[in-house]
Amino acid sequence: MPVETPPDGAAQHPDDAKPPTGTVAAAEVRIRRAPRYPIFLILGGGLGAIVTFVLTALFPVDPAVGFGALFGYFALYGVPAGVLVGAIVAIVLDRVSSRRARSVVVEHTAVDPLPAPDEPAADEPHPDRAP
């Protein structure tokens, strides 16, 4: 079944309402790939724990202390050191990505919504308010 269009080419809207109006604004923005800092901090802490585990396992352990306690003690130094290294790597990558940023022009369109079927249009007086 063919759809009839009005003679002026405008699309029909329900209840013969006015089409939504909008404004278009152009702006220049910078696009870049920024690192996600929490990922670098977590990976750095995990890497610090692994390095601490390997270094603790390479040396003989005092039987009075035990491997677990010794690893836990050295992990107090290794994990924060790994987090620090991860943060430094993220900062360096952030600086590099800011140098490679590109400027592009974007269009931002703001569309005013259609009034709800039970609400009066903006140009009609509200039935509950006196003029």
N, C-alpha and C. Protein backbone atom coordinates (compact mmCIF):
# COMPACT_ATOMS: atom_id res chain seq x y z
N MET A 1 0.85 -1.17 0.00
CA MET A 1 0.00 0.00 0.00
C MET A 1 0.90 1.24 0.00
N PRO A 2 0.82 2.11 -0.97
CA PRO A 2 1.67 3.30 -1.03
C PRO A 2 1.31 4.31 0.06
N VAL A 3 2.33 4.99 0.55
CA VAL A 3 2.14 6.00 1.57
C VAL A 3 2.02 7.35 0.89
N GLU A 4 0.99 8.08 1.26
CA GLU A 4 0.79 9.40 0.66
C GLU A 4 1.61 10.43 1.42
N THR A 5 2.25 11.30 0.68
CA THR A 5 3.01 12.37 1.29
C THR A 5 2.33 13.69 0.97
N PRO A 6 2.46 14.65 1.87
CA PRO A 6 1.86 15.96 1.60
C PRO A 6 2.50 16.58 0.37
N PRO A 7 1.80 17.48 -0.30
CA PRO A 7 2.32 18.07 -1.54
C PRO A 7 3.60 18.87 -1.34
N ASP A 8 3.83 19.44 -0.15
CA ASP A 8 5.04 20.24 0.04
C ASP A 8 6.25 19.38 0.36
N GLY A 9 6.12 18.05 0.47
CA GLY A 9 7.25 17.16 0.69
C GLY A 9 7.57 16.94 2.15
N ALA A 10 6.86 17.59 3.07
CA ALA A 10 7.12 17.40 4.50
C ALA A 10 6.50 16.09 4.95
N ALA A 11 7.13 15.44 5.88
CA ALA A 11 6.61 14.17 6.39
C ALA A 11 5.46 14.44 7.34
N GLN A 12 4.49 13.52 7.36
CA GLN A 12 3.35 13.67 8.27
C GLN A 12 3.76 13.18 9.65
N HIS A 13 3.31 13.87 10.67
CA HIS A 13 3.57 13.49 12.05
C HIS A 13 2.25 13.13 12.70
N PRO A 14 2.27 12.31 13.74
CA PRO A 14 1.02 11.94 14.41
C PRO A 14 0.31 13.18 14.94
N ASP A 15 -0.98 13.17 14.83
CA ASP A 15 -1.84 14.26 15.31
C ASP A 15 -1.51 15.58 14.64
N ASP A 16 -0.93 15.56 13.46
CA ASP A 16 -0.57 16.77 12.72
C ASP A 16 0.24 17.75 13.57
N ALA A 17 1.14 17.23 14.40
CA ALA A 17 1.98 18.08 15.25
C ALA A 17 3.10 18.69 14.41
N LYS A 18 3.67 19.76 14.93
CA LYS A 18 4.78 20.39 14.25
C LYS A 18 6.00 19.48 14.35
N PRO A 19 6.84 19.45 13.32
CA PRO A 19 8.05 18.62 13.42
C PRO A 19 8.99 19.22 14.46
N PRO A 20 9.84 18.40 15.06
CA PRO A 20 10.76 18.93 16.07
C PRO A 20 11.73 19.92 15.44
N THR A 21 12.07 20.93 16.19
CA THR A 21 13.04 21.92 15.71
C THR A 21 14.37 21.65 16.38
N GLY A 22 15.41 22.04 15.73
CA GLY A 22 16.74 21.80 16.29
C GLY A 22 17.71 22.86 15.85
N THR A 23 18.84 22.87 16.52
CA THR A 23 19.90 23.79 16.19
C THR A 23 21.16 22.99 15.93
N VAL A 24 21.95 23.45 14.97
CA VAL A 24 23.21 22.79 14.62
C VAL A 24 24.33 23.77 14.91
N ALA A 25 25.32 23.30 15.67
CA ALA A 25 26.47 24.13 15.99
C ALA A 25 27.74 23.37 15.64
N ALA A 26 28.67 24.02 14.99
CA ALA A 26 29.95 23.41 14.64
C ALA A 26 30.99 23.80 15.69
N ALA A 27 31.83 22.83 16.04
CA ALA A 27 32.88 23.09 17.03
C ALA A 27 34.13 22.31 16.62
N GLU A 28 35.28 22.83 17.00
CA GLU A 28 36.53 22.14 16.74
C GLU A 28 36.95 21.41 18.01
N VAL A 29 37.21 20.12 17.89
CA VAL A 29 37.61 19.30 19.05
C VAL A 29 38.89 18.56 18.72
N ARG A 30 39.58 18.13 19.79
CA ARG A 30 40.81 17.35 19.63
C ARG A 30 40.50 15.90 19.97
N ILE A 31 40.93 15.00 19.11
CA ILE A 31 40.72 13.57 19.32
C ILE A 31 42.06 12.91 19.57
N ARG A 32 42.12 12.11 20.62
CA ARG A 32 43.34 11.36 20.93
C ARG A 32 42.98 10.11 21.70
N ARG A 33 43.91 9.17 21.74
CA ARG A 33 43.73 7.94 22.50
C ARG A 33 44.44 8.12 23.83
N ALA A 34 43.68 8.21 24.90
CA ALA A 34 44.25 8.39 26.22
C ALA A 34 44.29 7.05 26.95
N PRO A 35 45.37 6.78 27.69
CA PRO A 35 45.43 5.52 28.44
C PRO A 35 44.47 5.53 29.62
N ARG A 36 44.02 4.35 29.99
CA ARG A 36 43.16 4.20 31.17
C ARG A 36 44.06 3.93 32.37
N TYR A 37 44.16 4.91 33.25
CA TYR A 37 45.09 4.83 34.37
C TYR A 37 44.84 3.65 35.31
N PRO A 38 43.61 3.32 35.68
CA PRO A 38 43.42 2.20 36.61
C PRO A 38 43.97 0.88 36.07
N ILE A 39 43.88 0.66 34.76
CA ILE A 39 44.41 -0.57 34.18
C ILE A 39 45.92 -0.62 34.35
N PHE A 40 46.60 0.49 34.10
CA PHE A 40 48.05 0.53 34.26
C PHE A 40 48.45 0.34 35.72
N LEU A 41 47.69 0.91 36.65
CA LEU A 41 48.02 0.77 38.06
C LEU A 41 47.83 -0.68 38.53
N ILE A 42 46.75 -1.32 38.10
CA ILE A 42 46.49 -2.71 38.50
C ILE A 42 47.53 -3.64 37.88
N LEU A 43 47.81 -3.46 36.59
CA LEU A 43 48.82 -4.30 35.95
C LEU A 43 50.20 -4.09 36.56
N GLY A 44 50.52 -2.85 36.91
CA GLY A 44 51.80 -2.57 37.56
C GLY A 44 51.90 -3.22 38.92
N GLY A 45 50.83 -3.18 39.68
CA GLY A 45 50.82 -3.84 40.99
C GLY A 45 50.94 -5.36 40.86
N GLY A 46 50.25 -5.93 39.88
CA GLY A 46 50.36 -7.37 39.64
C GLY A 46 51.76 -7.76 39.21
N LEU A 47 52.35 -6.96 38.33
CA LEU A 47 53.71 -7.23 37.89
C LEU A 47 54.69 -7.09 39.06
N GLY A 48 54.46 -6.11 39.93
CA GLY A 48 55.31 -5.95 41.12
C GLY A 48 55.20 -7.15 42.04
N ALA A 49 53.99 -7.72 42.19
CA ALA A 49 53.81 -8.92 43.02
C ALA A 49 54.53 -10.12 42.41
N ILE A 50 54.47 -10.26 41.09
CA ILE A 50 55.14 -11.39 40.43
C ILE A 50 56.65 -11.28 40.57
N VAL A 51 57.18 -10.08 40.36
CA VAL A 51 58.63 -9.87 40.50
C VAL A 51 59.05 -10.12 41.94
N THR A 52 58.24 -9.69 42.90
CA THR A 52 58.55 -9.93 44.31
C THR A 52 58.56 -11.43 44.60
N PHE A 53 57.59 -12.16 44.05
CA PHE A 53 57.53 -13.61 44.26
C PHE A 53 58.77 -14.29 43.69
N VAL A 54 59.16 -13.92 42.48
CA VAL A 54 60.33 -14.53 41.85
C VAL A 54 61.60 -14.22 42.64
N LEU A 55 61.76 -12.97 43.03
CA LEU A 55 62.96 -12.61 43.79
C LEU A 55 62.99 -13.29 45.16
N THR A 56 61.86 -13.46 45.79
CA THR A 56 61.80 -14.13 47.08
C THR A 56 62.14 -15.62 46.91
N ALA A 57 61.70 -16.21 45.81
CA ALA A 57 61.97 -17.63 45.58
C ALA A 57 63.41 -17.90 45.17
N LEU A 58 64.12 -16.91 44.65
CA LEU A 58 65.50 -17.11 44.21
C LEU A 58 66.48 -17.25 45.38
N PHE A 59 66.17 -16.72 46.51
CA PHE A 59 67.10 -16.72 47.64
C PHE A 59 66.63 -17.70 48.71
N PRO A 60 67.56 -18.20 49.52
CA PRO A 60 67.15 -19.16 50.56
C PRO A 60 66.26 -18.49 51.61
N VAL A 61 65.33 -19.28 52.14
CA VAL A 61 64.35 -18.78 53.09
C VAL A 61 64.76 -19.20 54.50
N ASP A 62 64.62 -18.30 55.45
CA ASP A 62 64.88 -18.62 56.86
C ASP A 62 63.75 -19.53 57.35
N PRO A 63 64.08 -20.74 57.84
CA PRO A 63 63.02 -21.65 58.27
C PRO A 63 62.20 -21.11 59.44
N ALA A 64 62.74 -20.22 60.23
CA ALA A 64 62.00 -19.67 61.36
C ALA A 64 60.91 -18.70 60.90
N VAL A 65 61.10 -18.09 59.73
CA VAL A 65 60.13 -17.11 59.23
C VAL A 65 59.16 -17.76 58.25
N GLY A 66 59.65 -18.50 57.29
CA GLY A 66 58.81 -19.14 56.28
C GLY A 66 58.71 -18.30 55.02
N PHE A 67 58.36 -19.00 53.92
CA PHE A 67 58.31 -18.33 52.62
C PHE A 67 57.15 -17.34 52.54
N GLY A 68 55.98 -17.73 53.05
CA GLY A 68 54.80 -16.87 52.95
C GLY A 68 54.97 -15.54 53.65
N ALA A 69 55.51 -15.59 54.86
CA ALA A 69 55.72 -14.34 55.61
C ALA A 69 56.78 -13.47 54.94
N LEU A 70 57.83 -14.12 54.44
CA LEU A 70 58.87 -13.36 53.77
C LEU A 70 58.34 -12.71 52.49
N PHE A 71 57.56 -13.46 51.71
CA PHE A 71 56.96 -12.90 50.50
C PHE A 71 56.01 -11.76 50.85
N GLY A 72 55.19 -11.93 51.85
CA GLY A 72 54.26 -10.88 52.27
C GLY A 72 54.97 -9.60 52.68
N TYR A 73 56.08 -9.77 53.40
CA TYR A 73 56.84 -8.59 53.83
C TYR A 73 57.43 -7.86 52.63
N PHE A 74 58.06 -8.62 51.72
CA PHE A 74 58.65 -7.96 50.55
C PHE A 74 57.60 -7.46 49.56
N ALA A 75 56.41 -8.05 49.59
CA ALA A 75 55.33 -7.57 48.72
C ALA A 75 54.88 -6.17 49.14
N LEU A 76 55.08 -5.84 50.41
CA LEU A 76 54.76 -4.47 50.87
C LEU A 76 55.60 -3.43 50.14
N TYR A 77 56.74 -3.83 49.63
CA TYR A 77 57.59 -2.93 48.86
C TYR A 77 57.42 -3.14 47.35
N GLY A 78 57.25 -4.39 46.93
CA GLY A 78 57.21 -4.71 45.51
C GLY A 78 55.93 -4.24 44.82
N VAL A 79 54.78 -4.42 45.48
CA VAL A 79 53.51 -4.03 44.85
C VAL A 79 53.42 -2.51 44.67
N PRO A 80 53.70 -1.69 45.69
CA PRO A 80 53.68 -0.23 45.45
C PRO A 80 54.70 0.23 44.42
N ALA A 81 55.86 -0.45 44.38
CA ALA A 81 56.85 -0.09 43.35
C ALA A 81 56.31 -0.41 41.96
N GLY A 82 55.59 -1.52 41.81
CA GLY A 82 54.98 -1.86 40.52
C GLY A 82 53.89 -0.88 40.15
N VAL A 83 53.09 -0.45 41.12
CA VAL A 83 52.04 0.54 40.86
C VAL A 83 52.68 1.85 40.41
N LEU A 84 53.78 2.22 41.05
CA LEU A 84 54.49 3.46 40.67
C LEU A 84 55.02 3.36 39.24
N VAL A 85 55.60 2.22 38.88
CA VAL A 85 56.09 2.04 37.52
C VAL A 85 54.93 2.08 36.51
N GLY A 86 53.81 1.44 36.84
CA GLY A 86 52.64 1.49 35.97
C GLY A 86 52.12 2.90 35.78
N ALA A 87 52.12 3.70 36.86
CA ALA A 87 51.66 5.09 36.76
C ALA A 87 52.59 5.92 35.88
N ILE A 88 53.89 5.69 36.01
CA ILE A 88 54.85 6.43 35.19
C ILE A 88 54.67 6.08 33.71
N VAL A 89 54.48 4.79 33.43
CA VAL A 89 54.26 4.37 32.03
C VAL A 89 52.99 5.01 31.49
N ALA A 90 51.92 5.05 32.29
CA ALA A 90 50.67 5.65 31.84
C ALA A 90 50.83 7.15 31.58
N ILE A 91 51.56 7.84 32.43
CA ILE A 91 51.79 9.28 32.24
C ILE A 91 52.59 9.53 30.97
N VAL A 92 53.61 8.73 30.73
CA VAL A 92 54.42 8.90 29.51
C VAL A 92 53.56 8.65 28.27
N LEU A 93 52.74 7.58 28.30
CA LEU A 93 51.87 7.31 27.16
C LEU A 93 50.82 8.41 26.97
N ASP A 94 50.36 9.01 28.06
CA ASP A 94 49.40 10.11 27.96
C ASP A 94 50.05 11.33 27.29
N ARG A 95 51.28 11.62 27.63
CA ARG A 95 51.98 12.75 27.00
C ARG A 95 52.19 12.49 25.51
N VAL A 96 52.56 11.26 25.17
CA VAL A 96 52.78 10.92 23.76
C VAL A 96 51.47 11.03 22.98
N SER A 97 50.38 10.56 23.58
CA SER A 97 49.10 10.62 22.87
C SER A 97 48.59 12.05 22.72
N SER A 98 48.92 12.93 23.66
CA SER A 98 48.48 14.32 23.52
C SER A 98 49.24 15.02 22.39
N ARG A 99 50.45 14.59 22.11
CA ARG A 99 51.20 15.17 20.98
C ARG A 99 50.65 14.70 19.65
N ARG A 100 50.08 13.49 19.63
CA ARG A 100 49.55 12.93 18.39
C ARG A 100 48.07 13.27 18.18
N ALA A 101 47.52 14.12 19.01
CA ALA A 101 46.09 14.46 18.90
C ALA A 101 45.81 15.19 17.60
N ARG A 102 44.63 14.92 17.05
CA ARG A 102 44.20 15.57 15.81
C ARG A 102 43.04 16.51 16.12
N SER A 103 42.96 17.59 15.38
CA SER A 103 41.83 18.51 15.51
C SER A 103 40.86 18.24 14.37
N VAL A 104 39.59 18.08 14.74
CA VAL A 104 38.54 17.85 13.75
C VAL A 104 37.38 18.78 14.05
N VAL A 105 36.55 19.03 13.04
CA VAL A 105 35.35 19.85 13.22
C VAL A 105 34.16 18.90 13.31
N VAL A 106 33.37 19.07 14.36
CA VAL A 106 32.20 18.24 14.56
C VAL A 106 30.96 19.13 14.56
N GLU A 107 29.83 18.53 14.22
CA GLU A 107 28.55 19.24 14.28
C GLU A 107 27.74 18.67 15.43
N HIS A 108 27.26 19.54 16.29
CA HIS A 108 26.42 19.13 17.41
C HIS A 108 24.99 19.58 17.11
N THR A 109 24.08 18.63 17.06
CA THR A 109 22.69 18.94 16.78
C THR A 109 21.87 18.76 18.04
N ALA A 110 21.19 19.80 18.46
CA ALA A 110 20.29 19.75 19.61
C ALA A 110 18.87 19.81 19.07
N VAL A 111 18.09 18.78 19.35
CA VAL A 111 16.72 18.70 18.86
C VAL A 111 15.77 18.90 20.02
N ASP A 112 14.85 19.83 19.85
CA ASP A 112 13.82 20.05 20.86
C ASP A 112 12.79 18.93 20.72
N PRO A 113 12.44 18.27 21.81
CA PRO A 113 11.50 17.15 21.70
C PRO A 113 10.08 17.62 21.40
N LEU A 114 9.32 16.72 20.81
CA LEU A 114 7.91 17.01 20.57
C LEU A 114 7.18 16.95 21.90
N PRO A 115 6.14 17.78 22.08
CA PRO A 115 5.39 17.69 23.33
C PRO A 115 4.64 16.36 23.41
N ALA A 116 4.45 15.88 24.63
CA ALA A 116 3.70 14.65 24.83
C ALA A 116 2.26 14.86 24.36
N PRO A 117 1.57 13.79 23.99
CA PRO A 117 0.20 13.96 23.47
C PRO A 117 -0.74 14.64 24.46
N ASP A 118 -0.53 14.49 25.76
CA ASP A 118 -1.43 15.11 26.73
C ASP A 118 -0.99 16.50 27.15
N GLU A 119 0.18 16.97 26.66
CA GLU A 119 0.66 18.31 26.99
C GLU A 119 0.31 19.28 25.86
N PRO A 120 -0.03 20.53 26.22
CA PRO A 120 -0.26 21.51 25.16
C PRO A 120 1.06 21.93 24.53
N ALA A 121 1.00 22.38 23.30
CA ALA A 121 2.20 22.85 22.62
C ALA A 121 2.70 24.12 23.31
N ALA A 122 3.94 24.50 23.03
CA ALA A 122 4.54 25.65 23.70
C ALA A 122 3.81 26.95 23.37
N ASP A 123 3.24 27.05 22.16
CA ASP A 123 2.57 28.29 21.79
C ASP A 123 1.10 28.32 22.23
N GLU A 124 0.58 27.23 22.77
CA GLU A 124 -0.81 27.21 23.26
C GLU A 124 -0.82 27.51 24.76
N PRO A 125 -1.86 28.24 25.26
CA PRO A 125 -1.91 28.50 26.69
C PRO A 125 -2.23 27.21 27.45
N HIS A 126 -1.69 27.12 28.66
CA HIS A 126 -1.94 25.95 29.51
C HIS A 126 -3.34 26.05 30.08
N PRO A 127 -4.15 24.97 30.07
CA PRO A 127 -5.54 25.07 30.52
C PRO A 127 -5.66 25.35 32.02
N ASP A 128 -4.66 25.02 32.83
CA ASP A 128 -4.77 25.23 34.28
C ASP A 128 -4.27 26.60 34.70
N ARG A 129 -3.62 27.33 33.81
CA ARG A 129 -3.07 28.63 34.17
C ARG A 129 -3.88 29.73 33.52
N ALA A 130 -4.04 30.80 34.26
CA ALA A 130 -4.78 31.95 33.73
C ALA A 130 -3.84 32.75 32.84
N PRO A 131 -4.34 33.33 31.76
CA PRO A 131 -3.47 34.12 30.86
C PRO A 131 -3.03 35.43 31.45
